[in-house]
N, C-alpha and C. Protein backbone atom coordinates (compact mmCIF):
# COMPACT_ATOMS: atom_id res chain seq x y z
N MET A 1 -22.61 -27.53 90.53
CA MET A 1 -21.57 -26.97 91.84
C MET A 1 -21.85 -25.63 91.96
N PHE A 2 -21.96 -24.94 90.19
CA PHE A 2 -22.43 -23.30 90.20
C PHE A 2 -23.57 -23.20 90.26
N ASP A 3 -24.14 -24.21 90.51
CA ASP A 3 -25.60 -23.98 90.83
C ASP A 3 -25.95 -22.21 91.67
N PHE A 4 -25.18 -22.01 92.67
CA PHE A 4 -25.29 -20.90 93.56
C PHE A 4 -25.61 -19.60 92.67
N LEU A 5 -24.62 -19.82 91.24
CA LEU A 5 -24.59 -18.94 91.05
C LEU A 5 -25.99 -17.75 90.01
N THR A 6 -26.76 -18.67 89.76
CA THR A 6 -27.88 -18.78 88.78
C THR A 6 -28.80 -18.90 89.69
N SER A 7 -29.02 -19.01 90.83
CA SER A 7 -30.47 -19.33 91.67
C SER A 7 -31.18 -18.02 91.68
N GLY A 8 -30.34 -17.06 91.43
CA GLY A 8 -30.77 -15.08 92.04
C GLY A 8 -30.55 -15.24 93.36
N GLN A 9 -30.11 -16.05 94.04
CA GLN A 9 -30.39 -15.63 95.53
C GLN A 9 -28.94 -14.35 95.77
N TYR A 10 -27.93 -14.39 95.17
CA TYR A 10 -26.40 -13.88 95.76
C TYR A 10 -26.76 -12.82 94.14
N ASP A 11 -26.40 -11.52 94.77
CA ASP A 11 -25.69 -10.80 93.46
C ASP A 11 -24.30 -10.47 93.56
N VAL A 12 -23.39 -11.84 92.78
CA VAL A 12 -22.53 -11.19 92.64
C VAL A 12 -21.42 -9.87 92.17
N LEU A 13 -22.13 -10.11 91.12
CA LEU A 13 -22.28 -8.89 90.07
C LEU A 13 -22.39 -7.60 91.28
N GLY A 14 -22.93 -7.93 91.96
CA GLY A 14 -22.80 -6.05 91.99
C GLY A 14 -22.57 -5.91 93.86
N ALA A 15 -22.06 -7.32 94.12
CA ALA A 15 -21.11 -7.04 95.49
C ALA A 15 -19.59 -6.80 94.58
N PHE A 16 -19.15 -7.13 93.77
CA PHE A 16 -17.49 -6.27 92.82
C PHE A 16 -18.08 -5.46 92.62
N TRP A 17 -18.87 -4.82 92.02
CA TRP A 17 -19.09 -3.73 91.48
C TRP A 17 -19.18 -2.93 93.13
N VAL A 18 -19.68 -2.84 93.97
CA VAL A 18 -19.46 -2.51 95.09
C VAL A 18 -17.26 -2.01 95.84
N THR A 19 -17.20 -3.55 94.82
CA THR A 19 -15.33 -3.32 95.17
C THR A 19 -14.56 -2.49 94.26
N VAL A 20 -14.85 -2.67 93.24
CA VAL A 20 -14.82 -1.20 92.08
C VAL A 20 -14.84 -0.03 92.47
N GLN A 21 -15.73 0.54 92.84
CA GLN A 21 -15.96 1.98 93.36
C GLN A 21 -15.76 2.09 94.67
N LEU A 22 -15.26 0.99 95.58
CA LEU A 22 -14.20 1.44 97.16
C LEU A 22 -12.69 1.53 96.32
N THR A 23 -12.58 1.00 95.29
CA THR A 23 -10.54 1.02 95.15
C THR A 23 -10.79 2.41 94.22
N LEU A 24 -12.04 2.52 93.43
CA LEU A 24 -11.40 3.64 92.34
C LEU A 24 -11.93 5.02 93.24
N TYR A 25 -12.52 5.28 94.41
CA TYR A 25 -13.11 6.32 95.47
C TYR A 25 -11.54 6.16 96.16
N SER A 26 -11.20 5.42 97.08
CA SER A 26 -10.00 5.23 97.40
C SER A 26 -8.76 5.61 96.65
N ALA A 27 -9.17 5.35 95.51
CA ALA A 27 -7.99 5.12 94.88
C ALA A 27 -7.51 6.93 94.52
N VAL A 28 -8.15 7.70 93.98
CA VAL A 28 -8.27 8.91 93.82
C VAL A 28 -7.88 9.89 94.93
N GLY A 29 -8.45 9.82 95.85
CA GLY A 29 -7.97 10.22 97.61
C GLY A 29 -7.27 9.84 98.38
N SER A 30 -6.92 8.32 97.83
CA SER A 30 -5.06 8.29 97.91
C SER A 30 -4.32 9.09 97.32
N LEU A 31 -4.44 9.16 96.22
CA LEU A 31 -3.19 9.66 95.59
C LEU A 31 -3.22 11.15 95.58
N ILE A 32 -4.27 11.58 96.01
CA ILE A 32 -4.40 13.05 96.50
C ILE A 32 -3.68 13.37 97.64
N TRP A 33 -4.01 12.45 98.68
CA TRP A 33 -3.68 12.51 99.97
C TRP A 33 -2.04 12.19 100.26
N GLY A 34 -1.92 11.06 99.80
CA GLY A 34 -0.36 10.54 99.24
C GLY A 34 0.57 11.69 98.74
N THR A 35 0.01 12.36 97.86
CA THR A 35 0.90 13.81 96.86
C THR A 35 1.04 14.82 98.08
N ILE A 36 0.29 14.96 98.77
CA ILE A 36 0.13 15.75 99.99
C ILE A 36 0.92 15.68 100.84
N LEU A 37 1.29 14.05 101.74
CA LEU A 37 1.85 13.70 102.14
C LEU A 37 3.39 13.62 102.15
N ALA A 38 3.94 13.44 100.73
CA ALA A 38 4.97 13.69 100.19
C ALA A 38 5.72 15.12 99.90
N GLY A 39 4.58 16.08 99.99
CA GLY A 39 5.35 17.45 99.58
C GLY A 39 5.50 17.76 101.31
N MET A 40 4.99 17.41 101.92
CA MET A 40 5.10 17.87 103.47
C MET A 40 6.33 16.88 103.84
N ARG A 41 6.76 15.72 103.17
CA ARG A 41 8.03 15.44 104.30
C ARG A 41 9.43 15.89 103.36
N VAL A 42 8.89 16.38 101.67
CA VAL A 42 10.53 17.07 101.28
C VAL A 42 10.28 18.28 101.37
N SER A 43 9.30 19.17 102.29
CA SER A 43 8.93 20.26 102.79
C SER A 43 10.31 21.23 103.80
N PRO A 44 10.79 22.36 103.21
CA PRO A 44 11.39 23.05 103.96
C PRO A 44 10.89 23.74 105.44
N VAL A 45 9.39 23.58 105.75
CA VAL A 45 9.17 24.00 106.84
C VAL A 45 9.11 22.48 108.02
N PRO A 46 9.91 22.86 108.81
CA PRO A 46 10.50 21.63 110.09
C PRO A 46 8.88 20.81 110.45
N ILE A 47 7.94 21.57 111.17
CA ILE A 47 7.11 21.31 111.20
C ILE A 47 5.74 20.29 110.33
N MET A 48 6.12 21.10 108.68
CA MET A 48 5.00 20.12 108.13
C MET A 48 6.01 18.68 107.91
N ARG A 49 7.16 18.77 107.75
CA ARG A 49 8.51 17.44 108.02
C ARG A 49 7.69 16.45 108.74
N SER A 50 7.78 17.30 109.70
CA SER A 50 7.86 16.26 111.31
C SER A 50 6.65 15.60 111.12
N PHE A 51 5.08 16.34 110.66
CA PHE A 51 4.26 15.99 110.99
C PHE A 51 3.51 14.24 109.97
N GLY A 52 4.45 14.99 108.62
CA GLY A 52 4.46 14.04 107.33
C GLY A 52 4.92 13.04 107.76
N THR A 53 6.29 12.77 108.22
CA THR A 53 6.80 11.42 108.78
C THR A 53 6.09 10.76 109.94
N ALA A 54 6.01 11.59 111.04
CA ALA A 54 5.37 11.20 112.29
C ALA A 54 4.10 10.11 111.42
N TYR A 55 3.18 10.91 110.72
CA TYR A 55 1.98 10.64 110.27
C TYR A 55 1.89 8.92 109.43
N VAL A 56 2.93 9.05 108.56
CA VAL A 56 3.31 8.06 107.62
C VAL A 56 3.84 6.60 108.37
N ASN A 57 4.73 7.14 109.36
CA ASN A 57 5.47 5.70 110.16
C ASN A 57 3.86 5.14 111.15
N VAL A 58 3.43 6.17 111.58
CA VAL A 58 1.94 5.61 112.23
C VAL A 58 1.46 5.08 111.73
N VAL A 59 0.78 5.66 110.74
CA VAL A 59 -0.13 4.34 109.88
C VAL A 59 -0.03 4.09 108.93
N ARG A 60 1.32 4.00 108.65
CA ARG A 60 1.53 2.68 107.63
C ARG A 60 1.54 1.60 108.66
N ASN A 61 1.81 1.45 109.57
CA ASN A 61 2.36 0.94 110.60
C ASN A 61 0.74 0.13 111.52
N THR A 62 -0.36 0.61 110.88
CA THR A 62 -1.22 0.80 111.91
C THR A 62 -1.90 -0.94 111.30
N PRO A 63 -2.56 -2.05 112.17
CA PRO A 63 -3.68 -2.71 110.56
C PRO A 63 -4.83 -1.93 110.38
N LEU A 64 -4.79 -2.44 108.99
CA LEU A 64 -5.99 -1.40 108.33
C LEU A 64 -7.15 -1.89 108.73
N THR A 65 -7.07 -2.47 109.37
CA THR A 65 -8.94 -3.76 109.79
C THR A 65 -8.66 -2.59 111.19
N LEU A 66 -8.03 -2.19 111.84
CA LEU A 66 -8.12 -1.17 112.98
C LEU A 66 -8.95 0.13 112.77
N LEU A 67 -8.00 0.84 111.86
CA LEU A 67 -8.31 1.99 111.00
C LEU A 67 -9.92 2.11 110.61
N ILE A 68 -10.23 0.95 109.88
CA ILE A 68 -11.38 0.91 109.43
C ILE A 68 -12.50 0.99 110.38
N ILE A 69 -12.40 -0.02 111.71
CA ILE A 69 -13.38 -0.28 112.76
C ILE A 69 -13.20 1.18 113.48
N GLY A 70 -11.79 1.98 113.41
CA GLY A 70 -11.71 2.98 114.25
C GLY A 70 -13.12 4.18 113.75
N CYS A 71 -13.17 4.48 112.23
CA CYS A 71 -13.60 5.38 111.82
C CYS A 71 -15.42 5.08 111.48
N SER A 72 -15.19 3.50 111.82
CA SER A 72 -16.90 3.21 112.84
C SER A 72 -17.20 3.62 113.89
N LEU A 73 -16.52 2.97 114.51
CA LEU A 73 -16.56 3.13 115.84
C LEU A 73 -16.57 4.86 116.40
N GLY A 74 -15.35 5.70 115.87
CA GLY A 74 -14.91 6.37 116.57
C GLY A 74 -15.60 7.94 115.72
N LEU A 75 -15.51 8.28 114.44
CA LEU A 75 -16.59 8.88 113.80
C LEU A 75 -17.74 9.11 113.66
N ASN A 76 -18.40 7.34 113.16
CA ASN A 76 -19.39 7.85 113.58
C ASN A 76 -20.58 7.60 114.58
N GLN A 77 -20.38 6.01 115.47
CA GLN A 77 -20.41 5.97 116.40
C GLN A 77 -20.40 6.76 117.50
N THR A 78 -19.12 7.70 117.66
CA THR A 78 -18.97 8.19 119.29
C THR A 78 -19.27 9.74 118.27
N LEU A 79 -18.57 10.29 117.93
CA LEU A 79 -19.12 11.45 117.11
C LEU A 79 -20.47 11.39 116.01
N LYS A 80 -20.62 10.72 115.90
CA LYS A 80 -21.74 10.99 115.18
C LYS A 80 -21.76 11.75 113.40
N ILE A 81 -20.27 11.24 113.36
CA ILE A 81 -19.98 12.04 112.15
C ILE A 81 -20.85 11.20 110.68
N THR A 82 -21.63 11.04 109.72
CA THR A 82 -21.80 10.54 108.24
C THR A 82 -21.97 11.19 107.57
N LEU A 83 -20.35 11.87 107.23
CA LEU A 83 -20.22 12.20 105.95
C LEU A 83 -20.38 12.34 104.96
N GLY A 84 -22.22 12.27 105.25
CA GLY A 84 -23.20 13.08 104.14
C GLY A 84 -23.94 11.92 104.09
N GLY A 85 -23.66 10.96 104.81
CA GLY A 85 -24.57 9.43 104.11
C GLY A 85 -26.09 9.59 104.98
N GLU A 86 -26.95 9.13 104.39
CA GLU A 86 -28.50 9.19 105.31
C GLU A 86 -28.58 8.28 105.61
N ASN A 87 -27.85 7.01 105.10
CA ASN A 87 -28.73 5.37 106.18
C ASN A 87 -27.22 4.71 106.03
N PHE A 88 -27.35 3.59 106.89
CA PHE A 88 -26.18 2.65 107.41
C PHE A 88 -25.42 1.98 106.73
N LYS A 89 -25.86 2.13 104.80
CA LYS A 89 -25.30 1.51 103.68
C LYS A 89 -24.16 2.68 103.64
N GLU A 90 -24.45 3.83 103.37
CA GLU A 90 -24.20 4.99 102.31
C GLU A 90 -22.45 5.27 103.42
N ILE A 91 -23.57 5.66 104.77
CA ILE A 91 -22.00 5.76 105.57
C ILE A 91 -21.10 5.24 106.02
N GLY A 92 -21.23 3.22 106.45
CA GLY A 92 -20.20 2.73 106.71
C GLY A 92 -19.75 2.69 104.43
N PHE A 93 -19.85 2.53 103.62
CA PHE A 93 -19.11 2.73 102.61
C PHE A 93 -18.47 3.80 102.52
N ARG A 94 -18.72 4.91 102.73
CA ARG A 94 -17.55 6.50 103.18
C ARG A 94 -16.79 6.26 103.73
N LEU A 95 -16.98 5.84 105.36
CA LEU A 95 -15.89 5.39 106.02
C LEU A 95 -15.27 4.63 105.94
N ALA A 96 -15.50 3.69 105.26
CA ALA A 96 -14.51 2.91 104.79
C ALA A 96 -13.25 3.55 103.41
N VAL A 97 -14.29 4.29 102.48
CA VAL A 97 -13.36 5.03 101.97
C VAL A 97 -12.30 5.74 102.34
N LEU A 98 -12.59 6.10 103.02
CA LEU A 98 -11.89 6.94 104.40
C LEU A 98 -10.94 6.14 105.06
N GLY A 99 -10.76 5.30 105.65
CA GLY A 99 -10.17 4.73 105.93
C GLY A 99 -9.05 4.10 105.35
N LEU A 100 -9.55 3.96 104.08
CA LEU A 100 -8.68 3.21 103.07
C LEU A 100 -7.64 4.53 102.56
N ILE A 101 -8.12 5.74 102.31
CA ILE A 101 -7.54 6.75 101.82
C ILE A 101 -6.52 7.09 102.97
N ALA A 102 -7.03 7.27 104.05
CA ALA A 102 -5.90 7.57 105.25
C ALA A 102 -4.72 6.38 105.35
N TYR A 103 -4.79 5.30 105.08
CA TYR A 103 -4.13 4.33 105.17
C TYR A 103 -2.81 3.93 103.76
N THR A 104 -3.95 4.00 102.70
CA THR A 104 -3.12 3.87 101.28
C THR A 104 -2.32 4.96 100.83
N GLY A 105 -2.92 5.91 101.70
CA GLY A 105 -1.85 7.32 101.00
C GLY A 105 -0.31 7.37 101.49
N THR A 106 -0.81 6.70 102.72
CA THR A 106 0.93 6.50 102.98
C THR A 106 1.55 5.99 102.37
N PHE A 107 1.90 4.87 101.54
CA PHE A 107 2.47 4.05 100.70
C PHE A 107 2.55 4.83 99.34
N VAL A 108 0.72 5.57 98.92
CA VAL A 108 1.58 6.58 98.20
C VAL A 108 2.77 7.32 98.04
N CYS A 109 2.78 7.78 99.40
CA CYS A 109 3.63 9.29 99.64
C CYS A 109 5.05 8.28 99.39
N GLU A 110 5.11 7.56 100.07
CA GLU A 110 6.94 6.82 100.25
C GLU A 110 7.14 6.30 99.07
N ALA A 111 6.46 5.98 97.78
CA ALA A 111 6.52 5.76 96.48
C ALA A 111 6.62 6.90 95.88
N LEU A 112 6.12 7.68 95.97
CA LEU A 112 6.12 9.62 95.42
C LEU A 112 7.52 10.51 96.12
N ARG A 113 7.85 9.97 97.05
CA ARG A 113 9.15 9.91 97.99
C ARG A 113 10.42 9.94 96.97
N ALA A 114 10.03 8.50 96.99
CA ALA A 114 10.87 7.66 96.07
C ALA A 114 11.31 8.14 94.27
N GLY A 115 10.23 8.69 93.85
CA GLY A 115 10.36 9.16 92.82
C GLY A 115 11.19 10.64 92.78
N ILE A 116 10.77 11.07 93.67
CA ILE A 116 11.15 12.32 94.08
C ILE A 116 12.80 12.52 94.17
N ASN A 117 13.34 11.32 94.65
CA ASN A 117 14.56 11.38 94.76
C ASN A 117 15.08 11.28 93.59
N THR A 118 14.42 10.62 92.91
CA THR A 118 14.95 10.84 91.53
C THR A 118 15.40 11.41 90.57
N VAL A 119 15.28 12.74 90.82
CA VAL A 119 14.96 13.85 90.19
C VAL A 119 16.39 14.81 90.29
N PRO A 120 17.36 14.84 89.59
CA PRO A 120 18.82 15.22 89.72
C PRO A 120 18.01 16.96 90.34
N VAL A 121 19.19 17.02 91.33
CA VAL A 121 19.14 18.00 92.72
C VAL A 121 19.15 19.53 91.83
N GLY A 122 20.03 18.92 90.90
CA GLY A 122 20.40 20.63 90.21
C GLY A 122 19.32 21.05 89.09
N GLN A 123 18.24 20.35 89.16
CA GLN A 123 17.32 20.70 88.79
C GLN A 123 16.07 21.94 89.65
N ALA A 124 16.10 21.14 90.47
CA ALA A 124 15.24 21.95 91.72
C ALA A 124 16.11 23.22 91.85
N GLU A 125 17.51 23.29 91.83
CA GLU A 125 18.27 24.36 92.19
C GLU A 125 18.20 25.36 91.19
N ALA A 126 18.49 25.11 90.06
CA ALA A 126 18.23 25.92 88.54
C ALA A 126 16.72 26.68 88.55
N ALA A 127 16.01 25.97 89.26
CA ALA A 127 14.47 26.26 89.36
C ALA A 127 14.43 27.49 90.38
N ARG A 128 15.10 26.94 91.70
CA ARG A 128 14.96 27.95 92.59
C ARG A 128 15.94 29.48 92.27
N ALA A 129 16.62 29.39 91.28
CA ALA A 129 17.48 30.35 90.54
C ALA A 129 17.15 31.45 89.56
N LEU A 130 15.91 30.42 89.28
CA LEU A 130 15.14 31.54 88.69
C LEU A 130 14.10 32.26 89.39
N GLY A 131 13.81 32.03 90.68
CA GLY A 131 12.82 32.62 91.19
C GLY A 131 11.53 32.28 91.72
N LEU A 132 11.79 30.81 91.68
CA LEU A 132 10.55 29.73 91.67
C LEU A 132 10.59 29.53 93.30
N SER A 133 8.96 29.51 94.02
CA SER A 133 9.40 29.21 94.81
C SER A 133 8.81 27.63 95.22
N PHE A 134 9.13 27.15 96.30
CA PHE A 134 9.01 25.50 96.77
C PHE A 134 7.78 24.93 96.04
N PHE A 135 6.52 25.61 96.50
CA PHE A 135 5.65 25.05 95.46
C PHE A 135 5.68 24.61 93.96
N GLN A 136 5.73 26.10 93.70
CA GLN A 136 6.26 25.99 92.25
C GLN A 136 7.40 24.91 91.33
N VAL A 137 8.83 24.67 92.37
CA VAL A 137 9.75 23.93 92.30
C VAL A 137 8.72 22.40 92.22
N LEU A 138 8.20 22.02 93.12
CA LEU A 138 7.95 21.18 93.64
C LEU A 138 6.78 20.32 92.55
N THR A 139 5.54 21.57 92.26
CA THR A 139 4.50 21.13 91.12
C THR A 139 4.44 21.38 89.73
N LEU A 140 5.93 22.42 89.30
CA LEU A 140 6.13 21.85 88.20
C LEU A 140 7.31 21.38 87.80
N ILE A 141 8.12 20.87 88.31
CA ILE A 141 9.35 20.80 88.09
C ILE A 141 9.68 19.06 88.59
N VAL A 142 9.72 18.46 89.95
CA VAL A 142 9.62 17.42 90.29
C VAL A 142 8.51 16.77 90.92
N LEU A 143 7.20 16.96 90.77
CA LEU A 143 6.69 15.98 90.83
C LEU A 143 6.28 15.22 89.78
N PRO A 144 6.09 16.50 88.01
CA PRO A 144 5.94 15.39 87.21
C PRO A 144 6.48 14.30 86.82
N GLN A 145 7.79 14.75 86.78
CA GLN A 145 9.47 13.47 86.42
C GLN A 145 8.80 12.61 87.39
N ALA A 146 8.44 12.67 89.11
CA ALA A 146 8.38 11.61 90.04
C ALA A 146 7.24 10.69 89.65
N PHE A 147 5.97 11.73 89.44
CA PHE A 147 5.07 10.35 88.91
C PHE A 147 5.66 9.69 87.95
N ARG A 148 6.23 9.92 86.86
CA ARG A 148 6.55 9.07 85.66
C ARG A 148 7.23 8.29 86.52
N ALA A 149 8.40 8.34 87.29
CA ALA A 149 9.46 7.09 87.58
C ALA A 149 8.76 6.19 88.91
N VAL A 150 7.50 6.56 89.16
CA VAL A 150 7.03 5.48 90.08
C VAL A 150 5.69 5.18 89.72
N ILE A 151 5.43 5.11 88.53
CA ILE A 151 4.08 4.12 87.74
C ILE A 151 3.96 2.71 88.41
N ALA A 152 5.10 2.34 88.54
CA ALA A 152 5.35 0.19 88.62
C ALA A 152 5.09 0.41 89.91
N PRO A 153 5.45 1.19 91.02
CA PRO A 153 5.25 1.00 92.99
C PRO A 153 4.06 1.38 93.08
N LEU A 154 3.50 2.68 92.08
CA LEU A 154 2.15 2.92 92.51
C LEU A 154 0.70 2.10 92.05
N THR A 155 1.03 0.97 91.05
CA THR A 155 0.40 -0.06 90.20
C THR A 155 0.32 -1.33 91.79
N ASN A 156 1.76 -1.31 91.98
CA ASN A 156 1.66 -2.45 93.31
C ASN A 156 0.63 -1.78 94.26
N VAL A 157 0.76 -0.29 94.66
CA VAL A 157 -0.37 0.09 96.01
C VAL A 157 -1.80 -0.42 95.13
N LEU A 158 -1.79 0.18 94.08
CA LEU A 158 -3.47 0.15 93.60
C LEU A 158 -3.87 -1.35 93.94
N ILE A 159 -3.08 -2.22 92.79
CA ILE A 159 -3.55 -3.83 93.59
C ILE A 159 -3.70 -4.10 94.59
N ALA A 160 -2.84 -3.53 95.26
CA ALA A 160 -2.92 -3.59 97.13
C ALA A 160 -3.90 -3.28 97.51
N LEU A 161 -4.35 -2.18 97.13
CA LEU A 161 -6.03 -1.59 97.79
C LEU A 161 -6.77 -2.28 97.09
N THR A 162 -6.87 -3.07 96.18
CA THR A 162 -8.03 -3.79 95.32
C THR A 162 -8.35 -4.84 96.60
N LYS A 163 -7.21 -5.07 96.94
CA LYS A 163 -7.39 -6.53 97.24
C LYS A 163 -7.91 -5.68 99.30
N ASN A 164 -7.10 -4.87 99.62
CA ASN A 164 -7.42 -4.75 100.48
C ASN A 164 -8.87 -3.91 100.85
N THR A 165 -9.67 -3.16 100.10
CA THR A 165 -10.82 -3.73 100.27
C THR A 165 -11.90 -3.94 100.71
N THR A 166 -11.39 -5.59 101.04
CA THR A 166 -12.33 -6.28 101.32
C THR A 166 -12.32 -6.31 103.03
N VAL A 167 -11.22 -5.46 103.55
CA VAL A 167 -11.47 -5.24 105.04
C VAL A 167 -12.68 -4.24 105.41
N ALA A 168 -12.95 -3.68 104.31
CA ALA A 168 -14.54 -2.44 104.32
C ALA A 168 -15.51 -3.98 104.57
N ALA A 169 -15.52 -4.77 104.86
CA ALA A 169 -16.68 -6.00 104.85
C ALA A 169 -17.04 -6.26 106.54
N THR A 170 -15.46 -5.49 107.48
CA THR A 170 -15.71 -5.50 108.75
C THR A 170 -17.14 -4.67 109.54
N ILE A 171 -17.13 -3.59 108.87
CA ILE A 171 -18.34 -2.54 108.97
C ILE A 171 -19.60 -3.01 108.52
N GLY A 172 -19.75 -4.02 107.65
CA GLY A 172 -20.47 -4.41 107.27
C GLY A 172 -21.29 -3.58 105.54
N VAL A 173 -19.98 -3.13 104.92
CA VAL A 173 -19.94 -2.66 103.61
C VAL A 173 -20.42 -3.97 102.58
N ALA A 174 -21.37 -3.60 101.68
CA ALA A 174 -21.40 -4.96 100.94
C ALA A 174 -20.78 -5.13 99.78
N GLU A 175 -19.53 -5.52 100.09
CA GLU A 175 -18.40 -5.63 99.03
C GLU A 175 -18.64 -7.18 99.09
N ALA A 176 -17.74 -7.47 97.96
CA ALA A 176 -17.08 -9.08 97.79
C ALA A 176 -16.73 -10.01 98.84
N ALA A 177 -16.00 -9.54 100.04
CA ALA A 177 -15.92 -10.40 100.82
C ALA A 177 -16.83 -10.62 101.96
N LEU A 178 -17.71 -9.53 101.99
CA LEU A 178 -18.74 -10.04 102.44
C LEU A 178 -19.84 -10.95 102.24
N LEU A 179 -20.07 -11.14 100.60
CA LEU A 179 -20.93 -11.64 100.44
C LEU A 179 -20.36 -13.00 100.31
N MET A 180 -18.90 -13.11 99.78
CA MET A 180 -18.44 -14.32 99.92
C MET A 180 -18.83 -14.95 101.28
N LYS A 181 -18.88 -14.35 102.94
CA LYS A 181 -18.52 -14.86 103.74
C LYS A 181 -19.99 -15.45 104.00
N GLU A 182 -20.74 -14.76 103.41
CA GLU A 182 -22.35 -14.96 103.33
C GLU A 182 -22.70 -16.28 102.82
N MET A 183 -21.90 -16.38 101.35
CA MET A 183 -22.11 -17.82 100.83
C MET A 183 -21.23 -18.89 101.58
N LEU A 184 -20.38 -18.49 102.00
CA LEU A 184 -19.61 -19.97 102.75
C LEU A 184 -20.44 -20.61 103.90
N GLU A 185 -21.35 -19.50 103.74
CA GLU A 185 -22.29 -20.18 105.59
C GLU A 185 -23.34 -20.72 104.66
N ASN A 186 -23.88 -20.23 103.66
CA ASN A 186 -25.18 -21.15 103.00
C ASN A 186 -24.77 -22.16 102.12
N GLU A 187 -23.46 -21.86 101.50
CA GLU A 187 -23.51 -23.21 100.85
C GLU A 187 -22.50 -23.82 101.08
N ALA A 188 -22.02 -24.85 102.07
CA ALA A 188 -21.31 -25.39 102.67
C ALA A 188 -20.63 -26.56 101.72
N GLN A 189 -21.57 -26.75 100.86
CA GLN A 189 -21.22 -28.28 100.48
C GLN A 189 -20.62 -27.22 98.52
N ALA A 190 -20.05 -26.41 98.28
CA ALA A 190 -19.56 -25.81 97.34
C ALA A 190 -19.03 -24.70 97.85
N ILE A 191 -17.93 -25.35 98.72
CA ILE A 191 -17.03 -23.87 99.47
C ILE A 191 -15.87 -23.64 98.83
N PHE A 192 -15.31 -25.18 98.25
CA PHE A 192 -14.53 -24.89 97.14
C PHE A 192 -14.66 -23.97 95.56
N ALA A 193 -16.19 -24.27 95.39
CA ALA A 193 -16.27 -23.43 94.05
C ALA A 193 -16.49 -21.79 93.99
N VAL A 194 -17.15 -21.80 95.78
CA VAL A 194 -17.43 -20.09 95.98
C VAL A 194 -16.28 -19.19 96.09
N PHE A 195 -15.01 -20.02 96.89
CA PHE A 195 -13.63 -19.60 96.68
C PHE A 195 -12.85 -19.09 95.24
N ALA A 196 -13.51 -19.87 94.54
CA ALA A 196 -12.52 -20.09 93.41
C ALA A 196 -13.75 -18.85 92.55
N VAL A 197 -14.46 -18.82 92.50
CA VAL A 197 -15.57 -17.58 92.02
C VAL A 197 -15.21 -16.45 92.37
N PHE A 198 -14.98 -15.99 93.83
CA PHE A 198 -14.25 -14.53 94.27
C PHE A 198 -12.72 -14.58 93.75
N ALA A 199 -12.08 -15.51 93.80
CA ALA A 199 -10.37 -15.64 93.35
C ALA A 199 -10.31 -15.40 91.96
N LEU A 200 -10.80 -15.88 90.86
CA LEU A 200 -11.07 -15.42 89.93
C LEU A 200 -11.78 -13.64 89.30
N GLY A 201 -12.68 -13.96 90.49
CA GLY A 201 -13.05 -11.80 90.34
C GLY A 201 -11.76 -11.19 90.47
N PHE A 202 -11.44 -11.30 91.84
CA PHE A 202 -9.86 -10.68 92.13
C PHE A 202 -9.17 -10.54 90.98
N VAL A 203 -8.85 -11.70 90.42
CA VAL A 203 -7.64 -11.89 88.96
C VAL A 203 -8.16 -10.61 88.21
N VAL A 204 -9.46 -11.01 87.86
CA VAL A 204 -9.71 -10.31 86.83
C VAL A 204 -9.68 -8.48 87.48
N LEU A 205 -9.94 -8.11 88.87
CA LEU A 205 -9.66 -7.07 88.82
C LEU A 205 -8.27 -6.66 88.67
N THR A 206 -7.58 -7.22 89.01
CA THR A 206 -6.33 -7.08 89.32
C THR A 206 -4.87 -6.87 88.30
N LEU A 207 -5.56 -7.94 87.22
CA LEU A 207 -4.34 -8.49 86.33
C LEU A 207 -4.30 -7.31 85.44
N PRO A 208 -5.69 -6.92 84.55
CA PRO A 208 -5.56 -5.83 83.65
C PRO A 208 -4.58 -4.59 83.93
N THR A 209 -5.13 -4.41 85.31
CA THR A 209 -4.89 -3.35 85.67
C THR A 209 -2.99 -2.99 85.47
N GLY A 210 -2.66 -4.49 86.49
CA GLY A 210 -1.29 -4.60 86.40
C GLY A 210 -0.39 -4.66 84.97
N LEU A 211 -1.14 -5.43 84.01
CA LEU A 211 -0.32 -5.15 82.81
C LEU A 211 -0.95 -4.01 81.98
N LEU A 212 -1.84 -2.90 82.42
CA LEU A 212 -1.95 -2.28 81.71
C LEU A 212 -1.47 -0.59 82.10
N LEU A 213 -0.68 -0.92 83.08
CA LEU A 213 -0.41 0.44 83.95
C LEU A 213 1.69 -0.42 83.45
N GLY A 214 1.80 -1.09 83.80
CA GLY A 214 2.92 -1.39 83.42
C GLY A 214 3.88 -1.55 82.14
N TRP A 215 2.74 -1.20 81.31
CA TRP A 215 2.99 -0.48 79.87
C TRP A 215 2.93 0.52 79.96
N VAL A 216 1.99 1.15 80.40
CA VAL A 216 1.86 2.52 80.62
C VAL A 216 3.74 3.40 80.93
N SER A 217 4.14 2.32 82.44
CA SER A 217 5.42 2.84 82.58
C SER A 217 6.35 2.87 81.91
N LYS A 218 6.33 1.94 80.52
CA LYS A 218 7.57 1.52 80.04
C LYS A 218 7.53 2.80 79.12
N ARG A 219 6.47 3.20 78.69
CA ARG A 219 5.94 4.23 77.76
C ARG A 219 6.47 5.86 78.03
N VAL A 220 5.91 5.88 79.69
CA VAL A 220 6.59 7.27 80.16
C VAL A 220 7.51 7.30 80.87
N ALA A 221 8.17 6.43 81.18
CA ALA A 221 9.60 6.25 81.90
C ALA A 221 10.25 7.12 81.95
N VAL A 222 11.53 8.40 82.77
CA VAL A 222 12.06 9.54 82.10
C VAL A 222 13.60 8.47 81.82
N LYS A 223 13.86 8.98 80.93
CA LYS A 223 15.40 8.46 80.37
C LYS A 223 16.53 9.64 81.27
N ARG A 224 17.05 8.78 82.05
CA ARG A 224 18.32 9.11 82.42
C ARG A 224 19.25 9.23 81.94
């Protein structure tokens, strides 16, 4: 039943490695972009708050598939933006990462904003009384506590991101979902075995992540 795994025709590990790379690059970018958005949403500058709110509400409610295809059609094919990629494979991968960052960053932002709201207002007021600027209060006082408070929600965002990488197959990125589609077309007699292999692969990627970060969340939780 699992003969297709040993035939040498399919690089299953290579496809999952692309999925892991998509997840890692997108996770780092989403964390950075989401933190910036969260800062905008709590900023005292009205135009920054408005931009952050509008961006989060629009992008978060836009299907990820549309964002990924929009990056491919709009940035690459229309504006000829390659993000430094030299061939179709590299360009597709980088555009997929960009789309995932743009989308996932909104969920990181909302998780962080919830964490910011858990920080006692008195701490920020005391910091401002000492002469610290908004940026200093946010980065030195508020965000360190907010991150510790939202590790569990951010874990859920990371797990969702891992599964969302399958959308990259729509623009030809050779990750797990694209290979699964090819295998389903060529190995119709082993359809359930193919599903089982890829389902197990994603469980292996997401389950340890959830367990590890769940443990970290309990270890670093802020005692109120």
